[in-house]
N, C-alpha and C. Protein backbone atom coordinates (compact mmCIF):
# COMPACT_ATOMS: atom_id res chain seq x y z
N UNK A 1 313.58 36.19 55.10
CA UNK A 1 314.44 36.95 55.14
C UNK A 1 315.00 37.52 56.30
N UNK A 2 316.16 37.79 56.92
CA UNK A 2 316.75 38.17 57.61
C UNK A 2 318.35 38.91 57.45
N UNK A 3 318.19 40.03 57.30
CA UNK A 3 319.56 40.71 57.19
C UNK A 3 320.65 41.15 58.38
N UNK A 4 321.90 40.36 57.82
CA UNK A 4 322.59 40.43 59.39
C UNK A 4 323.37 41.75 59.45
N UNK A 5 324.10 41.33 60.70
CA UNK A 5 325.50 42.25 60.72
C UNK A 5 326.80 42.65 60.01
N UNK A 6 327.12 41.15 59.29
CA UNK A 6 327.71 40.66 58.47
C UNK A 6 327.09 41.00 56.88
N UNK A 7 326.00 40.70 56.85
CA UNK A 7 325.07 41.22 55.30
C UNK A 7 325.37 43.21 55.29
N UNK A 8 325.36 43.73 56.50
CA UNK A 8 325.53 44.79 56.41
C UNK A 8 326.97 45.37 56.38
N UNK A 9 327.44 45.13 56.64
CA UNK A 9 329.38 45.05 56.78
C UNK A 9 329.49 44.84 55.26
N UNK A 10 329.30 43.60 54.75
CA UNK A 10 329.33 43.52 53.53
C UNK A 10 328.82 44.84 52.37
N UNK A 11 327.71 45.19 52.75
CA UNK A 11 327.02 46.00 51.75
C UNK A 11 328.19 47.16 51.81
N UNK A 12 328.54 47.84 53.11
CA UNK A 12 329.28 48.85 53.01
C UNK A 12 330.28 48.81 52.38
N UNK A 13 330.97 48.07 52.32
CA UNK A 13 332.30 47.82 51.75
C UNK A 13 332.17 47.81 50.08
N UNK A 14 330.97 46.72 50.01
CA UNK A 14 330.77 46.83 48.23
C UNK A 14 330.04 48.12 47.82
N UNK A 15 329.60 49.03 48.63
CA UNK A 15 329.25 50.55 48.51
C UNK A 15 330.38 50.95 48.30
N UNK A 16 330.97 50.86 49.53
CA UNK A 16 332.86 51.42 48.71
C UNK A 16 333.56 51.13 48.01
N UNK A 17 333.42 50.09 47.17
CA UNK A 17 333.91 49.38 45.94
C UNK A 17 333.67 50.00 44.96
N UNK A 18 332.20 50.39 44.85
CA UNK A 18 331.35 50.68 43.46
C UNK A 18 331.30 52.12 43.35
N UNK A 19 331.76 53.10 44.74
CA UNK A 19 331.95 53.97 44.56
C UNK A 19 333.18 54.68 43.72
N UNK A 20 334.05 53.65 44.28
CA UNK A 20 335.94 53.56 43.58
C UNK A 20 335.64 53.71 42.10
N UNK A 21 334.69 52.53 41.95
CA UNK A 21 335.55 51.69 40.26
C UNK A 21 334.90 53.04 39.50
N UNK A 22 333.98 53.85 39.98
CA UNK A 22 333.20 54.78 39.21
C UNK A 22 333.42 55.78 39.25
N UNK A 23 334.38 55.83 40.06
CA UNK A 23 335.00 57.57 41.00
C UNK A 23 335.40 58.29 39.59
N UNK A 24 336.13 57.96 38.34
CA UNK A 24 336.00 58.92 36.87
C UNK A 24 335.12 59.20 36.53
N UNK A 25 334.18 58.35 36.38
CA UNK A 25 332.83 58.62 35.35
C UNK A 25 331.76 59.81 36.31
N UNK A 26 331.90 59.39 37.55
CA UNK A 26 331.52 60.78 38.65
C UNK A 26 331.97 62.00 38.45
N UNK A 27 333.22 62.15 38.61
CA UNK A 27 334.04 63.17 38.12
C UNK A 27 334.25 64.05 37.15
N UNK A 28 333.44 62.65 36.15
CA UNK A 28 333.30 63.70 34.33
C UNK A 28 332.35 64.37 34.38
N UNK A 29 330.64 63.47 35.00
CA UNK A 29 329.78 64.03 34.98
C UNK A 29 329.49 65.76 36.00
N UNK A 30 330.22 65.15 37.14
CA UNK A 30 330.18 66.27 38.08
C UNK A 30 330.59 67.59 37.02
N UNK A 31 331.91 67.46 36.36
CA UNK A 31 332.55 68.82 36.12
C UNK A 31 331.60 69.51 35.18
N UNK A 32 331.00 68.61 34.57
CA UNK A 32 329.49 69.51 33.38
C UNK A 32 328.96 70.37 34.20
N UNK A 33 328.37 70.02 35.51
CA UNK A 33 327.34 70.77 36.53
C UNK A 33 327.95 71.18 37.84
N UNK A 34 328.68 70.69 38.14
CA UNK A 34 328.99 71.12 39.20
C UNK A 34 330.73 71.09 39.82
N UNK A 35 331.15 70.91 41.15
CA UNK A 35 332.52 71.09 41.23
C UNK A 35 333.94 70.06 40.50
N UNK A 36 333.25 69.02 40.43
CA UNK A 36 333.93 68.21 39.81
C UNK A 36 335.14 67.13 40.72
N UNK A 37 334.46 66.94 41.76
CA UNK A 37 334.74 66.45 43.34
C UNK A 37 333.70 65.19 43.26
N UNK A 38 333.21 64.57 42.65
CA UNK A 38 331.78 64.05 43.25
C UNK A 38 332.61 62.52 43.38
N UNK A 39 333.00 62.07 42.62
CA UNK A 39 333.63 60.90 42.17
C UNK A 39 334.69 60.79 43.73
N UNK A 40 335.73 61.69 44.05
CA UNK A 40 336.77 62.17 45.01
C UNK A 40 336.07 61.70 46.20
N UNK A 41 334.78 62.63 46.18
CA UNK A 41 334.16 62.44 48.12
C UNK A 41 333.82 61.57 48.35
N UNK A 42 333.03 60.96 47.03
CA UNK A 42 331.91 59.65 47.39
C UNK A 42 332.62 58.10 47.72
N UNK A 43 333.69 57.94 47.10
CA UNK A 43 335.21 57.53 47.77
C UNK A 43 335.57 57.10 48.47
N UNK A 44 336.27 58.26 48.79
CA UNK A 44 336.44 58.34 50.26
C UNK A 44 335.60 58.10 51.43
N UNK A 45 334.52 58.97 51.32
CA UNK A 45 333.21 59.12 52.01
C UNK A 45 333.10 57.76 52.48
N UNK A 46 332.77 56.84 51.42
CA UNK A 46 332.52 55.31 51.57
C UNK A 46 333.76 54.44 52.23
N UNK A 47 334.47 54.86 51.90
CA UNK A 47 335.78 53.87 52.54
C UNK A 47 335.81 53.77 54.09
N UNK A 48 335.67 55.43 54.87
CA UNK A 48 335.22 56.21 56.07
C UNK A 48 334.08 54.83 56.68
N UNK A 49 333.11 54.66 55.65
CA UNK A 49 332.24 54.47 56.46
C UNK A 49 332.56 52.70 56.44
N UNK A 50 332.84 52.48 55.61
CA UNK A 50 333.41 50.67 55.75
C UNK A 50 334.05 50.51 56.60
N UNK A 51 334.99 51.32 56.99
CA UNK A 51 335.73 51.44 58.21
C UNK A 51 335.38 51.69 59.50
N UNK A 52 334.78 51.85 59.26
CA UNK A 52 333.78 52.62 60.69
C UNK A 52 333.49 51.25 60.89
N UNK A 53 331.94 50.52 59.99
CA UNK A 53 331.70 49.20 60.00
C UNK A 53 332.68 48.69 60.88
N UNK A 54 333.50 48.38 60.12
CA UNK A 54 334.36 46.93 60.66
C UNK A 54 334.88 47.47 62.16
N UNK A 55 334.67 48.49 62.35
CA UNK A 55 335.23 49.18 63.48
C UNK A 55 334.43 48.79 64.68
N UNK A 56 333.14 48.76 64.58
CA UNK A 56 331.88 48.78 65.39
C UNK A 56 331.61 47.83 65.69
N UNK A 57 331.74 47.47 67.31
CA UNK A 57 331.95 46.17 67.72
C UNK A 57 330.31 45.96 68.61
N UNK A 58 329.76 47.05 68.80
CA UNK A 58 328.25 46.43 69.69
C UNK A 58 327.18 45.41 68.05
N UNK A 59 326.28 45.17 69.06
CA UNK A 59 325.41 44.03 68.27
C UNK A 59 324.30 44.93 67.27
N UNK A 60 323.60 46.48 67.96
CA UNK A 60 322.78 47.34 67.28
C UNK A 60 323.10 47.71 65.67
N UNK A 61 322.80 47.43 65.01
CA UNK A 61 322.69 47.54 63.66
C UNK A 61 322.10 48.71 63.55
N UNK A 62 321.21 49.31 64.08
CA UNK A 62 321.01 50.78 63.81
C UNK A 62 322.18 51.46 64.15
N UNK A 63 322.81 51.56 65.53
CA UNK A 63 324.02 52.36 65.81
C UNK A 63 324.76 52.12 64.63
N UNK A 64 325.31 50.96 64.70
CA UNK A 64 325.84 50.64 63.28
C UNK A 64 325.61 51.64 61.89
N UNK A 65 324.86 51.22 61.50
CA UNK A 65 324.15 52.60 60.77
C UNK A 65 324.65 54.09 61.08
N UNK A 66 324.27 54.49 61.99
CA UNK A 66 324.36 55.68 62.43
C UNK A 66 325.66 55.74 62.34
N UNK A 67 326.36 55.27 62.24
CA UNK A 67 328.34 55.21 62.80
C UNK A 67 328.92 55.53 61.34
N UNK A 68 327.94 54.43 60.78
CA UNK A 68 328.57 54.71 59.04
C UNK A 68 328.29 56.05 58.40
N UNK A 69 326.97 56.60 58.78
CA UNK A 69 327.27 58.02 58.48
C UNK A 69 327.34 59.14 59.25
N UNK A 70 327.94 58.74 60.19
CA UNK A 70 328.10 60.20 61.38
C UNK A 70 329.83 60.26 60.78
N UNK A 71 330.73 58.72 60.30
CA UNK A 71 331.96 58.84 59.59
C UNK A 71 332.13 59.05 58.55
N UNK A 72 331.22 58.90 57.47
CA UNK A 72 330.77 59.34 56.01
C UNK A 72 331.08 60.91 56.00
N UNK A 73 330.13 61.45 56.59
CA UNK A 73 329.57 62.84 56.65
C UNK A 73 331.43 63.98 57.51
N UNK A 74 331.96 63.32 58.67
CA UNK A 74 333.14 63.91 58.96
C UNK A 74 333.64 63.77 57.71
N UNK A 75 334.35 62.45 57.07
CA UNK A 75 335.66 62.62 56.24
C UNK A 75 335.60 63.03 54.95
N UNK A 76 334.17 63.39 54.83
CA UNK A 76 333.81 64.22 53.00
C UNK A 76 332.63 65.25 53.68
N UNK A 77 332.89 66.39 54.49
CA UNK A 77 332.07 67.44 54.57
C UNK A 77 331.33 68.39 53.14
N UNK A 78 331.42 68.17 52.23
CA UNK A 78 331.06 68.17 51.36
C UNK A 78 329.47 68.35 51.23
N UNK A 79 328.81 69.59 49.84
CA UNK A 79 327.05 68.80 50.07
C UNK A 79 326.62 67.41 50.34
N UNK A 80 327.47 66.46 48.93
CA UNK A 80 326.38 64.93 49.20
C UNK A 80 327.01 64.55 49.84
N UNK A 81 328.54 64.83 50.47
CA UNK A 81 328.89 63.50 51.53
C UNK A 81 328.18 63.70 52.78
N UNK A 82 327.30 65.37 53.41
CA UNK A 82 326.79 65.59 53.83
C UNK A 82 324.68 64.65 53.74
N UNK A 83 324.67 64.76 52.68
CA UNK A 83 323.61 64.02 52.11
C UNK A 83 323.12 62.98 52.53
N UNK A 84 324.11 62.25 51.43
CA UNK A 84 324.56 60.86 51.96
C UNK A 84 325.08 60.21 53.23
N UNK A 85 325.42 60.63 53.94
CA UNK A 85 325.55 60.95 55.52
C UNK A 85 324.61 61.07 56.57
N UNK A 86 323.88 61.85 55.79
CA UNK A 86 322.29 62.12 56.34
C UNK A 86 321.18 61.24 56.20
N UNK A 87 321.78 60.42 54.97
CA UNK A 87 320.56 59.23 54.65
C UNK A 87 320.84 57.49 56.32
N UNK A 88 321.82 57.69 56.20
CA UNK A 88 322.28 56.31 57.27
C UNK A 88 322.22 57.02 58.29
N UNK A 89 322.15 58.45 58.97
CA UNK A 89 321.92 58.76 59.82
C UNK A 89 321.03 58.49 60.37
N UNK A 90 319.70 58.85 58.78
CA UNK A 90 318.08 58.70 59.60
C UNK A 90 317.62 57.37 59.54
N UNK A 91 318.21 56.52 58.58
CA UNK A 91 317.72 55.06 58.65
C UNK A 91 318.46 54.54 60.24
N UNK A 92 319.54 54.76 60.24
CA UNK A 92 320.07 53.84 61.77
C UNK A 92 319.00 54.87 63.00
N UNK A 93 318.65 55.65 63.45
CA UNK A 93 318.00 56.30 64.04
C UNK A 93 316.24 55.00 63.72
N UNK A 94 316.27 55.25 62.68
CA UNK A 94 314.55 53.95 62.46
C UNK A 94 314.95 52.68 62.89
N UNK A 95 316.63 52.25 63.15
CA UNK A 95 316.37 50.58 62.96
C UNK A 95 317.71 50.43 64.40
N UNK A 96 317.27 51.57 65.59
CA UNK A 96 317.79 51.59 66.38
C UNK A 96 317.17 50.35 67.39
N UNK A 97 318.05 49.78 67.92
CA UNK A 97 317.64 48.28 68.75
C UNK A 97 317.64 46.78 67.84
N UNK A 98 317.75 46.93 66.66
CA UNK A 98 317.64 45.93 66.13
C UNK A 98 319.00 45.04 65.70
N UNK A 99 318.72 44.17 66.18
CA UNK A 99 320.21 43.15 65.67
C UNK A 99 320.07 41.84 64.84
N UNK A 100 319.15 42.55 63.86
CA UNK A 100 319.21 41.57 62.62
C UNK A 100 318.06 42.47 61.72
N UNK A 101 317.56 42.52 60.16
CA UNK A 101 316.84 43.23 59.50
C UNK A 101 315.80 42.26 58.98
N UNK A 102 314.39 42.49 59.26
CA UNK A 102 313.32 41.39 58.80
C UNK A 102 312.69 42.51 57.15
N UNK A 103 312.02 41.90 56.35
CA UNK A 103 311.87 42.52 55.18
C UNK A 103 311.65 44.01 55.17
N UNK A 104 310.42 44.38 56.44
CA UNK A 104 309.53 45.57 56.92
C UNK A 104 310.84 46.19 57.07
N UNK A 105 311.93 45.78 57.75
CA UNK A 105 313.15 46.98 58.00
C UNK A 105 314.09 47.22 56.99
N UNK A 106 314.08 46.21 56.12
CA UNK A 106 314.47 46.76 55.17
C UNK A 106 314.25 48.17 53.98
N UNK A 107 312.68 47.82 54.28
CA UNK A 107 311.92 48.93 53.47
C UNK A 107 312.02 50.03 54.25
N UNK A 108 311.61 49.80 56.09
CA UNK A 108 312.31 51.02 56.65
C UNK A 108 313.71 51.65 56.73
N UNK A 109 314.36 50.96 56.40
CA UNK A 109 315.92 51.77 55.74
C UNK A 109 315.82 52.39 54.86
N UNK A 110 315.32 51.70 53.25
CA UNK A 110 315.49 52.71 52.10
C UNK A 110 314.52 54.03 52.33
N UNK A 111 313.05 53.56 52.99
CA UNK A 111 312.21 55.01 53.57
C UNK A 111 313.11 56.00 54.09
N UNK A 112 313.64 55.62 55.34
CA UNK A 112 314.68 56.24 56.07
C UNK A 112 315.79 57.07 55.37
N UNK A 113 316.41 56.30 54.74
CA UNK A 113 317.66 56.70 53.88
C UNK A 113 316.78 57.62 52.78
N UNK A 114 315.62 57.73 52.21
CA UNK A 114 315.54 58.58 51.35
C UNK A 114 314.93 60.54 52.07
N UNK A 115 314.32 59.79 53.37
CA UNK A 115 313.99 61.04 54.36
C UNK A 115 315.19 61.71 54.76
N UNK A 116 316.01 60.98 55.52
CA UNK A 116 317.21 61.81 55.53
C UNK A 116 317.95 62.95 54.94
N UNK A 117 317.51 62.19 53.33
CA UNK A 117 318.70 63.36 52.13
C UNK A 117 317.64 64.46 51.75
N UNK A 118 316.30 63.73 52.01
CA UNK A 118 315.35 64.61 51.57
C UNK A 118 314.96 65.93 52.50
N UNK A 119 315.18 65.72 53.72
CA UNK A 119 314.71 66.74 54.75
C UNK A 119 316.12 67.49 54.99
N UNK A 120 317.44 66.70 54.71
CA UNK A 120 319.04 67.65 54.68
C UNK A 120 318.74 68.82 53.70
N UNK A 121 318.37 68.13 52.17
CA UNK A 121 318.82 68.93 50.73
C UNK A 121 317.96 69.80 50.63
N UNK A 122 316.61 69.40 50.92
CA UNK A 122 315.26 70.45 50.94
C UNK A 122 314.51 69.95 49.29
N UNK A 123 315.64 69.19 48.58
CA UNK A 123 314.74 68.88 46.96
C UNK A 123 313.81 68.39 47.21
N UNK A 124 313.04 67.64 45.63
CA UNK A 124 312.11 66.82 45.94
C UNK A 124 312.16 66.06 44.39
N UNK A 125 311.37 64.86 44.67
CA UNK A 125 311.54 64.53 43.15
C UNK A 125 311.71 65.02 42.37
N UNK A 126 312.52 65.09 41.04
CA UNK A 126 312.21 66.08 39.60
C UNK A 126 312.72 66.90 39.11
N UNK A 127 313.52 67.70 40.91
CA UNK A 127 314.45 68.19 40.77
C UNK A 127 315.76 67.96 40.01
N UNK A 128 315.82 66.99 39.72
CA UNK A 128 316.62 65.91 38.77
C UNK A 128 318.25 66.12 40.45
N UNK A 129 318.30 64.87 41.04
CA UNK A 129 318.79 65.31 42.27
C UNK A 129 319.29 63.55 42.53
N UNK A 130 320.00 63.49 43.50
CA UNK A 130 319.79 62.16 44.16
C UNK A 130 318.29 61.07 44.64
N UNK A 131 317.82 62.18 44.78
CA UNK A 131 316.76 61.82 45.63
C UNK A 131 315.78 60.99 44.11
N UNK A 132 316.04 61.83 42.71
CA UNK A 132 315.22 61.00 41.72
C UNK A 132 315.58 59.70 41.51
N UNK A 133 316.59 58.66 42.52
CA UNK A 133 317.09 57.59 42.11
C UNK A 133 316.22 57.24 43.63
N UNK A 134 316.55 57.09 44.72
CA UNK A 134 316.04 56.85 46.21
C UNK A 134 314.62 56.83 46.26
N UNK A 135 313.83 57.69 46.03
CA UNK A 135 312.28 57.88 46.25
C UNK A 135 312.01 56.16 45.10
N UNK A 136 312.20 56.19 44.12
CA UNK A 136 311.82 54.77 43.29
C UNK A 136 311.96 53.91 43.66
N UNK A 137 313.97 53.51 44.53
CA UNK A 137 313.61 52.36 45.67
C UNK A 137 313.21 52.37 46.49
N UNK A 138 312.93 53.11 47.36
CA UNK A 138 312.30 53.04 48.40
C UNK A 138 310.53 53.18 48.48
N UNK A 139 310.19 52.91 47.24
CA UNK A 139 309.19 53.19 47.12
C UNK A 139 308.38 51.68 45.94
N UNK A 140 309.98 51.19 45.58
CA UNK A 140 309.43 50.10 45.03
C UNK A 140 309.76 48.51 46.17
N UNK A 141 310.84 48.84 47.17
CA UNK A 141 310.52 47.83 48.14
C UNK A 141 309.95 47.67 48.82
N UNK A 142 309.22 48.72 49.65
CA UNK A 142 307.65 49.34 49.74
C UNK A 142 306.66 48.27 49.69
N UNK A 143 306.74 48.18 48.29
CA UNK A 143 305.24 47.67 47.81
C UNK A 143 305.25 45.83 47.87
N UNK A 144 307.14 46.00 47.12
CA UNK A 144 307.26 44.36 46.97
C UNK A 144 307.03 43.61 48.65
N UNK A 145 307.31 44.70 49.52
CA UNK A 145 307.40 43.87 51.43
C UNK A 145 306.19 43.67 51.27
N UNK A 146 304.81 44.76 50.77
CA UNK A 146 303.43 44.52 51.09
C UNK A 146 302.61 43.57 50.33
N UNK A 147 303.24 43.28 49.37
CA UNK A 147 302.84 41.90 48.45
C UNK A 147 303.34 41.01 49.03
N UNK A 148 304.56 40.87 49.85
CA UNK A 148 304.62 39.64 51.04
C UNK A 148 306.04 39.33 50.79
N UNK A 149 306.75 39.89 49.20
CA UNK A 149 308.00 39.59 49.45
C UNK A 149 309.27 39.33 50.22
N UNK A 150 310.10 38.43 50.75
CA UNK A 150 310.47 38.54 51.76
C UNK A 150 311.87 37.98 51.09
N UNK A 151 312.44 37.62 50.39
CA UNK A 151 313.65 37.25 49.57
C UNK A 151 314.87 38.37 49.48
N UNK A 152 315.54 38.81 50.51
CA UNK A 152 316.95 39.72 50.35
C UNK A 152 316.99 40.01 48.69
N UNK A 153 317.19 38.32 47.76
CA UNK A 153 318.15 38.84 46.39
C UNK A 153 316.41 39.77 45.78
N UNK A 154 315.53 39.32 45.98
CA UNK A 154 314.08 39.88 44.98
C UNK A 154 314.05 41.46 45.45
N UNK A 155 314.30 41.46 47.39
CA UNK A 155 314.18 43.08 47.32
C UNK A 155 314.86 43.70 46.78
N UNK A 156 316.37 43.59 47.07
CA UNK A 156 317.26 44.40 46.41
C UNK A 156 317.61 44.71 45.08
N UNK A 157 316.56 43.42 44.93
CA UNK A 157 316.85 43.46 43.09
C UNK A 157 315.79 44.61 42.38
N UNK A 158 314.47 44.81 43.44
CA UNK A 158 313.54 45.82 42.95
C UNK A 158 314.27 46.55 43.08
N UNK A 159 315.14 46.96 44.31
CA UNK A 159 315.09 48.79 44.33
C UNK A 159 316.51 49.20 43.45
N UNK A 160 317.09 47.95 43.85
CA UNK A 160 318.47 48.79 42.33
C UNK A 160 317.85 49.12 40.39
N UNK A 161 316.48 47.83 40.63
CA UNK A 161 315.94 48.42 39.03
C UNK A 161 315.00 49.61 39.01
N UNK A 162 314.40 49.59 40.07
CA UNK A 162 313.90 51.42 40.26
C UNK A 162 314.81 52.32 40.32
N UNK A 163 315.87 52.47 40.81
CA UNK A 163 316.94 53.20 41.18
C UNK A 163 317.45 53.33 39.85
N UNK A 164 317.65 52.52 38.98
CA UNK A 164 318.52 52.83 37.72
C UNK A 164 317.47 53.41 36.63
N UNK A 165 315.73 53.04 37.15
CA UNK A 165 315.00 53.61 36.01
C UNK A 165 314.78 55.44 36.62
N UNK A 166 314.93 55.58 37.87
CA UNK A 166 314.92 57.01 38.23
C UNK A 166 316.09 57.75 37.69
N UNK A 167 317.52 57.23 37.31
CA UNK A 167 318.35 57.73 36.41
C UNK A 167 318.06 57.91 36.06
N UNK A 168 318.13 56.83 34.59
CA UNK A 168 317.15 56.76 33.10
C UNK A 168 316.50 58.42 33.04
N UNK A 169 315.50 58.57 34.19
CA UNK A 169 314.35 59.51 34.20
C UNK A 169 314.76 60.96 34.05
N UNK A 170 316.20 61.18 34.82
CA UNK A 170 316.88 62.82 35.08
C UNK A 170 317.15 62.85 33.73
N UNK A 171 317.60 62.05 32.57
CA UNK A 171 317.85 62.56 31.38
C UNK A 171 316.69 63.51 30.90
N UNK A 172 315.34 63.51 30.96
CA UNK A 172 315.00 63.99 30.87
C UNK A 172 314.07 65.50 31.85
N UNK A 173 314.70 65.42 32.94
CA UNK A 173 314.35 66.40 33.78
C UNK A 173 315.42 67.77 33.73
N UNK A 174 314.80 69.01 34.10
CA UNK A 174 315.56 70.26 34.17
C UNK A 174 315.87 70.34 35.59
N UNK A 175 317.67 70.96 35.64
CA UNK A 175 318.07 70.77 37.36
C UNK A 175 317.10 71.85 37.80
N UNK A 176 317.40 72.50 38.82
CA UNK A 176 316.57 73.65 40.06
C UNK A 176 317.39 74.01 40.64
N UNK A 177 318.28 73.47 41.31
CA UNK A 177 319.20 73.02 42.28
C UNK A 177 321.05 74.02 41.69
N UNK A 178 321.65 74.97 42.94
CA UNK A 178 322.69 75.08 42.30
C UNK A 178 323.36 75.17 41.09
N UNK A 179 324.57 74.65 41.11
CA UNK A 179 325.12 75.07 39.61
C UNK A 179 324.94 74.11 38.60
N UNK A 180 324.56 73.08 38.83
CA UNK A 180 323.51 72.37 37.28
C UNK A 180 322.42 73.22 36.72
N UNK A 181 321.67 73.98 37.72
CA UNK A 181 320.86 75.03 36.69
C UNK A 181 321.36 75.89 35.99
N UNK A 182 322.71 76.36 36.06
CA UNK A 182 323.46 77.32 35.58
C UNK A 182 323.47 76.16 33.94
N UNK A 183 323.93 75.36 34.05
CA UNK A 183 324.21 74.48 32.79
C UNK A 183 323.34 73.77 32.24
N UNK A 184 322.30 74.16 32.56
CA UNK A 184 321.14 72.85 32.47
C UNK A 184 320.51 72.97 30.87
N UNK A 185 321.35 73.72 29.92
CA UNK A 185 321.07 73.93 29.06
C UNK A 185 321.79 72.42 27.93
N UNK A 186 323.00 72.18 28.57
CA UNK A 186 323.42 71.31 28.09
C UNK A 186 323.64 69.81 28.79
N UNK A 187 322.79 70.24 29.91
CA UNK A 187 322.51 68.46 30.53
C UNK A 187 320.94 67.45 29.81
N UNK A 188 320.19 68.28 28.72
CA UNK A 188 319.51 67.10 27.91
C UNK A 188 319.89 66.28 27.75
N UNK A 189 319.57 65.00 27.82
CA UNK A 189 320.27 63.88 27.96
C UNK A 189 321.24 63.37 28.48
N UNK A 190 321.77 63.86 29.70
CA UNK A 190 322.90 63.51 30.66
C UNK A 190 321.90 62.99 31.69
N UNK A 191 322.10 62.04 32.55
CA UNK A 191 321.80 61.41 33.31
C UNK A 191 322.45 62.33 34.65
N UNK A 192 321.61 62.36 35.70
CA UNK A 192 321.93 63.15 36.88
C UNK A 192 323.20 62.55 37.75
N UNK A 193 323.99 63.06 38.25
CA UNK A 193 325.59 62.16 38.95
C UNK A 193 324.71 61.60 40.30
N UNK A 194 324.07 62.65 40.98
CA UNK A 194 323.36 62.08 42.07
C UNK A 194 322.78 61.34 42.14
N UNK A 195 322.05 60.78 40.94
CA UNK A 195 320.94 59.97 40.76
C UNK A 195 321.93 58.41 40.96
N UNK A 196 323.35 58.92 40.02
CA UNK A 196 323.84 57.60 39.77
C UNK A 196 324.26 57.59 41.42
N UNK A 197 324.60 57.80 41.94
CA UNK A 197 325.26 57.89 43.18
C UNK A 197 324.31 57.23 44.03
N UNK A 198 322.83 57.64 44.17
CA UNK A 198 321.81 56.70 44.18
C UNK A 198 322.18 55.05 43.81
N UNK A 199 322.10 55.01 43.03
CA UNK A 199 321.78 53.56 42.29
C UNK A 199 322.77 52.68 42.67
N UNK A 200 324.06 53.12 42.72
CA UNK A 200 325.22 52.45 43.21
C UNK A 200 324.94 51.82 44.39
N UNK A 201 324.21 52.76 45.62
CA UNK A 201 323.92 52.17 46.82
C UNK A 201 323.02 51.31 46.76
N UNK A 202 321.84 50.87 45.99
CA UNK A 202 321.30 49.98 45.35
C UNK A 202 322.16 49.19 44.91
N UNK A 203 322.83 49.05 43.92
CA UNK A 203 323.46 48.63 43.56
C UNK A 203 324.73 47.25 44.44
N UNK A 204 325.02 48.01 45.45
CA UNK A 204 325.33 47.10 46.46
C UNK A 204 324.93 46.55 47.35
N UNK A 205 323.51 46.90 47.66
CA UNK A 205 322.70 45.73 48.25
C UNK A 205 322.45 44.51 47.50
N UNK A 206 322.58 44.41 45.90
CA UNK A 206 322.10 43.39 45.34
C UNK A 206 323.41 42.51 44.92
N UNK A 207 324.52 43.47 45.44
CA UNK A 207 325.59 42.18 45.25
C UNK A 207 325.86 41.47 46.40
N UNK A 208 325.73 42.48 47.66
CA UNK A 208 325.67 41.67 49.35
C UNK A 208 325.02 40.46 49.43
N UNK A 209 323.84 40.40 48.51
CA UNK A 209 323.49 38.82 48.36
C UNK A 209 323.49 37.84 46.73
C-alpha cells in the first residue's frame, strides 16, 4: 500500500463533495440541537481545504495535510470548523516529511486526527460528539494494520464501517456538551450530526480508492 500526493488531493475533494451533498441533512440535524449552520460550515470549510491542497506545491504530505487544516479552520472558525481543522493539523504534524504514506502512516493519520480533535474539544468518546465516529475508525485501522492488512481499499473500508457503527451508537447516547445537552430529551434515537461529519470524512477515503 502507498498513499500518494494525488490520493490525498483526491480524498480532500471527495470529502468536500460529501459535505456539500449532505449539507441540507446536516443543517436539519443541527437545527434540532445546535445553531443549524453545520452543513454550511462543513461545505465551505472542506471546499477551502480542497483549494489549499490544489495550490500546495511541495512534496511533503504532512505539510500538505497541515495546510488543509489551516485553510479549513481559517475559512470557518466555528466550533466544528476549528475541531475538524485541528484534526488535519495534528495529522499533518505526525506525518511531516512523508512523501507517501504506508499502512502504518495511514493508521497514524487516523489516530492523530482523532487526537487533534479530542485535545481541542476536550470531549470524550461516549459524549455524543464527532469523536464517537473518529475513535472507532482509528481503532479499526490500527487493528487492521497490526494484523498485516495493507490494501488501501480494505483499510479505508474498515475505517468507514467502524465510523458508521459509531454514528449508530450515538442514537443511544445522552449529550453532555453545549446546546445538545439542553435538547437531550428529543435527541433519543437521532444520530449525532458531528459523528456523521466524521463518518463522511472516512467515506471520502473509501471513495478515493
